[in-house]
Amino acid sequence: MTQPRRLPTYTELMDALTEGRTVKVIIRYAKCNLLADGREEPAPDAVGGMEFAAWEQFARGVVRNDKAYLSTSQTVLIAHPRYGHVLNYVRLRLYEDGAAQITARYLKPDTYEVVMDETFTGRLSDGEDDNGVNCFVKE
């Protein structure tokens, strides 16, 4: 079985995706900065991951953006101990300079009311420094 290969740069990440390869991201939230409900807070010691099932890339200036970026998201139904059953929405934006923004929201499934809203910022990890956002492709 082949080992996954780290994608340490935005260019390598985009190359893998545009070649049709399967890419996964592992996010170490404690290595990121957290803004929750408008306040900076300590990030939780949690790890999450997802596959890039659907994604879009926006060149500079396409949507009034200063930097090119890649966006992917996923929504799953979870049972949360405090909020009950909620839709867990996670959106990841990776920018051409390696910056990353992760939006995490819990929404009530019947009304889509947001009951938790967090934004994490970090950087794409090159393997030497664990900057919180780690992308891999299976060779």
Protein backbone atom coordinates (compact mmCIF):
# COMPACT_ATOMS: atom_id res chain seq x y z
CA MET A 1 0.00 0.00 0.00
CA THR A 2 1.40 3.39 -0.96
CA GLN A 3 1.81 6.11 1.61
CA PRO A 4 0.09 9.45 1.12
CA ARG A 5 2.34 12.29 -0.02
CA ARG A 6 2.21 15.67 1.70
CA LEU A 7 1.23 18.66 -0.44
CA PRO A 8 3.28 21.47 1.14
CA THR A 9 2.37 24.26 -1.28
CA TYR A 10 -0.73 25.72 -2.87
CA THR A 11 0.69 24.97 -6.32
CA GLU A 12 1.23 21.28 -5.53
CA LEU A 13 -2.26 21.09 -4.03
CA MET A 14 -3.84 22.61 -7.14
CA ASP A 15 -1.79 20.34 -9.41
CA ALA A 16 -3.05 17.24 -7.57
CA LEU A 17 -6.67 18.41 -7.69
CA THR A 18 -6.62 19.40 -11.36
CA GLU A 19 -5.07 16.01 -12.19
CA GLY A 20 -8.15 14.42 -10.62
CA ARG A 21 -6.35 12.95 -7.63
CA THR A 22 -7.93 12.34 -4.24
CA VAL A 23 -6.80 14.94 -1.72
CA LYS A 24 -7.46 14.93 2.01
CA VAL A 25 -6.88 17.60 4.63
CA ILE A 26 -6.14 17.03 8.32
CA ILE A 27 -6.67 20.08 10.53
CA ARG A 28 -5.03 20.34 13.95
CA TYR A 29 -7.20 23.05 15.44
CA ALA A 30 -4.92 23.69 18.46
CA LYS A 31 -2.22 24.83 15.98
CA CYS A 32 -4.59 27.45 14.56
CA ASN A 33 -5.94 30.76 15.87
CA LEU A 34 -9.63 30.82 16.84
CA LEU A 35 -12.17 33.61 16.57
CA ALA A 36 -15.46 32.52 18.18
CA ASP A 37 -18.48 34.82 18.22
CA GLY A 38 -16.20 37.76 17.44
CA ARG A 39 -13.70 37.05 20.26
CA GLU A 40 -10.24 35.53 20.09
CA GLU A 41 -10.12 32.38 22.22
CA PRO A 42 -7.79 29.43 22.78
CA ALA A 43 -8.33 26.84 20.05
CA PRO A 44 -9.52 23.41 21.17
CA ASP A 45 -7.20 20.41 21.16
CA ALA A 46 -9.16 18.72 18.39
CA VAL A 47 -8.35 17.20 15.02
CA GLY A 48 -10.62 17.01 11.98
CA GLY A 49 -10.32 15.85 8.44
CA MET A 50 -12.15 15.69 5.17
CA GLU A 51 -11.72 14.74 1.56
CA PHE A 52 -11.91 17.37 -1.17
CA ALA A 53 -15.10 15.95 -2.71
CA ALA A 54 -16.21 19.21 -4.31
CA TRP A 55 -13.99 22.26 -4.64
CA GLU A 56 -13.58 25.53 -6.52
CA GLN A 57 -10.53 27.64 -7.26
CA PHE A 58 -10.76 31.40 -7.77
CA ALA A 59 -7.95 33.28 -9.50
CA ARG A 60 -7.01 36.73 -8.20
CA GLY A 61 -9.72 39.29 -8.86
CA VAL A 62 -12.48 36.84 -9.87
CA VAL A 63 -14.67 37.59 -6.85
CA ARG A 64 -12.93 40.81 -5.79
CA ASN A 65 -10.27 38.72 -4.05
CA ASP A 66 -6.70 39.98 -3.62
CA LYS A 67 -5.27 36.45 -3.55
CA ALA A 68 -6.15 33.31 -5.48
CA TYR A 69 -7.77 30.68 -3.30
CA LEU A 70 -9.25 27.22 -3.22
CA SER A 71 -12.49 26.53 -1.37
CA THR A 72 -14.09 23.27 -0.26
CA SER A 73 -16.80 22.50 2.27
CA GLN A 74 -18.72 19.67 3.84
CA THR A 75 -21.86 19.40 5.94
CA VAL A 76 -22.74 16.37 8.06
CA LEU A 77 -25.38 15.67 10.67
CA ILE A 78 -23.89 15.05 14.12
CA ALA A 79 -25.21 14.44 17.64
CA HIS A 80 -23.65 17.11 19.85
CA PRO A 81 -23.80 16.75 23.66
CA ARG A 82 -24.85 20.40 24.15
CA TYR A 83 -26.78 21.27 21.00
CA GLY A 84 -28.38 17.92 20.16
CA HIS A 85 -28.56 16.98 16.49
CA VAL A 86 -27.01 19.72 14.37
CA LEU A 87 -25.64 20.14 10.88
CA ASN A 88 -21.87 20.52 11.19
CA TYR A 89 -20.77 22.81 8.33
CA VAL A 90 -17.03 23.18 7.69
CA ARG A 91 -15.58 25.36 4.94
CA LEU A 92 -11.88 25.50 4.18
CA ARG A 93 -10.22 28.22 2.15
CA LEU A 94 -6.58 27.82 1.22
CA TYR A 95 -4.86 30.85 -0.28
CA GLU A 96 -2.00 31.01 -2.77
CA ASP A 97 0.37 32.32 -0.06
CA GLY A 98 -0.32 29.30 2.18
CA ALA A 99 -2.76 31.05 4.52
CA ALA A 100 -5.81 29.04 5.56
CA GLN A 101 -9.22 29.93 6.94
CA ILE A 102 -11.56 27.32 8.39
CA THR A 103 -15.17 28.22 9.15
CA ALA A 104 -17.07 25.85 11.45
CA ARG A 105 -20.78 26.30 12.13
CA TYR A 106 -23.47 24.24 13.80
CA LEU A 107 -26.93 24.78 12.36
CA LYS A 108 -30.27 23.49 13.59
CA PRO A 109 -31.48 21.06 10.90
CA ASP A 110 -35.07 22.31 10.85
CA THR A 111 -34.45 26.09 10.78
CA TYR A 112 -30.78 26.43 9.79
CA GLU A 113 -30.33 28.73 12.79
CA VAL A 114 -26.61 29.07 13.59
CA VAL A 115 -25.98 27.92 17.17
CA MET A 116 -22.17 27.88 16.98
CA ASP A 117 -19.90 29.93 14.73
CA GLU A 118 -16.11 29.67 14.79
CA THR A 119 -13.39 30.84 12.42
CA PHE A 120 -9.90 29.40 12.56
CA THR A 121 -6.84 30.74 10.78
CA GLY A 122 -3.64 28.87 10.14
CA ARG A 123 -1.22 27.99 7.40
CA LEU A 124 -0.61 25.09 5.08
CA SER A 125 2.01 22.87 6.71
CA ASP A 126 5.15 21.98 4.81
CA GLY A 127 5.94 19.06 7.12
CA GLU A 128 8.78 20.88 8.89
CA ASP A 129 6.45 23.21 10.78
CA ASP A 130 3.04 21.92 11.83
CA ASN A 131 0.95 24.96 11.01
CA GLY A 132 -2.34 23.18 11.60
CA VAL A 133 -3.46 22.50 8.01
CA ASN A 134 -2.02 19.37 6.41
CA CYS A 135 -2.94 18.28 2.89
CA PHE A 136 -2.15 14.85 1.43
CA VAL A 137 -2.61 13.03 -1.86
CA LYS A 138 -2.61 9.28 -2.28
CA GLU A 139 -0.11 8.27 -4.95
